[in-house]
Amino acid sequence: MADHITISRAPGTWVVRAGGAVIGETTRALELREGDYAPVVYFPREDIAMAFLEPGTRVSHCPHKGDATHYSIVTKSRSLSDAAWSYETPKEGVARIAGHLAFYTGTDEVTVEQL
């Protein structure tokens, strides 16, 4: 793993909401810290209501984590494009995030919080 990336268990219960609905809740979240970036909480896929997510066509690349597949969140009122991502086959040093999803929280429409 790159020296500037750490992954640890995120203590407590975490929830992700989109469009007013809870789409995931877990006590098994992981927190990824990468350099000076804000920490990112990754939810196990099994703890997300995947019926709300549709795979998108966007793939981004991180030299330290690998290729990320992006997902749209489909709510009753709209579709939030590229609102989540997952490293399906992450690089060896960050393999713990395989099978997990993270969410963009830069708007009021998607929130991730610790209960």
Protein backbone atom coordinates (compact mmCIF):
# COMPACT_ATOMS: atom_id res chain seq x y z
CA MET A 1 0.00 0.00 0.00
CA ALA A 2 1.11 3.52 -0.63
CA ASP A 3 2.59 5.06 2.51
CA HIS A 4 0.02 7.86 2.48
CA ILE A 5 -3.06 5.54 2.56
CA THR A 6 -4.43 3.90 5.69
CA ILE A 7 -7.54 1.76 6.06
CA SER A 8 -9.14 1.07 9.41
CA ARG A 9 -12.46 -0.02 10.81
CA ALA A 10 -14.79 2.97 11.19
CA PRO A 11 -16.18 2.56 14.72
CA GLY A 12 -19.89 2.74 15.42
CA THR A 13 -22.89 2.65 13.12
CA TRP A 14 -22.82 4.47 9.80
CA VAL A 15 -25.71 5.40 7.52
CA VAL A 16 -25.97 6.71 3.95
CA ARG A 17 -29.07 8.61 2.85
CA ALA A 18 -30.10 9.74 -0.63
CA GLY A 19 -33.26 11.50 -1.71
CA GLY A 20 -34.63 11.29 1.83
CA ALA A 21 -34.27 7.50 2.02
CA VAL A 22 -31.80 5.42 4.00
CA ILE A 23 -30.06 3.29 1.41
CA GLY A 24 -27.48 1.74 3.72
CA GLU A 25 -26.58 1.20 7.34
CA THR A 26 -23.65 -0.71 8.74
CA THR A 27 -21.49 -1.40 11.75
CA ARG A 28 -18.79 -2.80 9.43
CA ALA A 29 -17.69 0.37 7.63
CA LEU A 30 -14.09 1.02 6.70
CA GLU A 31 -12.41 4.42 6.80
CA LEU A 32 -9.81 5.16 4.15
CA ARG A 33 -7.44 8.06 4.75
CA GLU A 34 -5.30 9.24 1.88
CA GLY A 35 -2.80 12.01 2.48
CA ASP A 36 -4.44 15.38 3.14
CA TYR A 37 -7.83 14.35 1.69
CA ALA A 38 -10.87 14.05 3.95
CA PRO A 39 -11.46 10.48 5.19
CA VAL A 40 -13.80 8.36 3.05
CA VAL A 41 -16.18 5.83 4.60
CA TYR A 42 -16.65 2.61 2.63
CA PHE A 43 -19.81 0.54 3.18
CA PRO A 44 -19.91 -3.23 2.65
CA ARG A 45 -22.02 -3.92 -0.43
CA GLU A 46 -24.18 -6.35 1.58
CA ASP A 47 -25.30 -3.44 3.79
CA ILE A 48 -26.46 -1.25 0.90
CA ALA A 49 -29.89 -1.47 -0.75
CA MET A 50 -28.42 -2.14 -4.18
CA ALA A 51 -31.87 -1.73 -5.81
CA PHE A 52 -31.23 2.04 -5.49
CA LEU A 53 -27.96 1.85 -7.45
CA GLU A 54 -27.38 1.48 -11.17
CA PRO A 55 -23.91 0.89 -12.62
CA GLY A 56 -22.79 3.83 -14.69
CA THR A 57 -20.44 4.00 -17.61
CA ARG A 58 -17.82 6.12 -15.86
CA VAL A 59 -14.61 4.48 -14.72
CA SER A 60 -11.94 6.52 -12.96
CA HIS A 61 -8.38 5.52 -12.18
CA CYS A 62 -6.29 6.04 -9.07
CA PRO A 63 -2.63 5.04 -9.33
CA HIS A 64 -2.74 3.75 -5.73
CA LYS A 65 -6.15 2.04 -5.60
CA GLY A 66 -6.89 1.03 -9.19
CA ASP A 67 -10.00 1.50 -11.35
CA ALA A 68 -13.25 2.63 -9.75
CA THR A 69 -16.66 1.82 -11.20
CA HIS A 70 -19.22 4.57 -10.61
CA TYR A 71 -22.90 4.15 -9.78
CA SER A 72 -25.95 6.37 -10.01
CA ILE A 73 -28.40 6.45 -7.13
CA VAL A 74 -32.00 6.26 -8.31
CA THR A 75 -34.50 7.88 -5.95
CA LYS A 76 -38.25 8.44 -6.30
CA SER A 77 -37.72 11.90 -7.70
CA ARG A 78 -34.53 11.63 -9.74
CA SER A 79 -31.30 9.90 -10.63
CA LEU A 80 -28.09 11.11 -8.98
CA SER A 81 -25.41 10.40 -11.57
CA ASP A 82 -22.07 9.00 -10.46
CA ALA A 83 -22.99 9.42 -6.77
CA ALA A 84 -21.13 6.30 -5.58
CA TRP A 85 -18.06 4.33 -6.53
CA SER A 86 -16.44 0.98 -5.89
CA TYR A 87 -13.03 -0.50 -6.56
CA GLU A 88 -14.13 -3.92 -7.82
CA THR A 89 -10.58 -5.23 -8.01
CA PRO A 90 -8.43 -2.78 -6.02
CA LYS A 91 -4.68 -2.95 -5.94
CA GLU A 92 -3.14 -5.37 -3.45
CA GLY A 93 -2.27 -2.78 -0.82
CA VAL A 94 -5.88 -1.61 -0.49
CA ALA A 95 -7.63 -4.96 -1.04
CA ARG A 96 -9.73 -4.44 2.10
CA ILE A 97 -12.02 -2.04 0.18
CA ALA A 98 -13.02 -4.72 -2.35
CA GLY A 99 -16.75 -5.36 -2.07
CA HIS A 100 -17.34 -1.91 -0.56
CA LEU A 101 -18.96 1.29 -1.85
CA ALA A 102 -18.22 4.93 -1.10
CA PHE A 103 -20.47 7.91 -1.76
CA TYR A 104 -19.94 11.48 -2.98
CA THR A 105 -21.27 13.76 -0.27
CA GLY A 106 -20.61 17.18 -1.78
CA THR A 107 -24.33 17.99 -2.05
CA ASP A 108 -27.34 17.92 0.26
CA GLU A 109 -28.75 14.99 -1.71
CA VAL A 110 -26.36 12.33 -0.39
CA THR A 111 -25.20 12.20 3.21
CA VAL A 112 -22.97 9.79 5.10
CA GLU A 113 -23.02 10.05 8.87
CA GLN A 114 -22.12 8.21 12.00
CA LEU A 115 -25.11 7.55 14.26
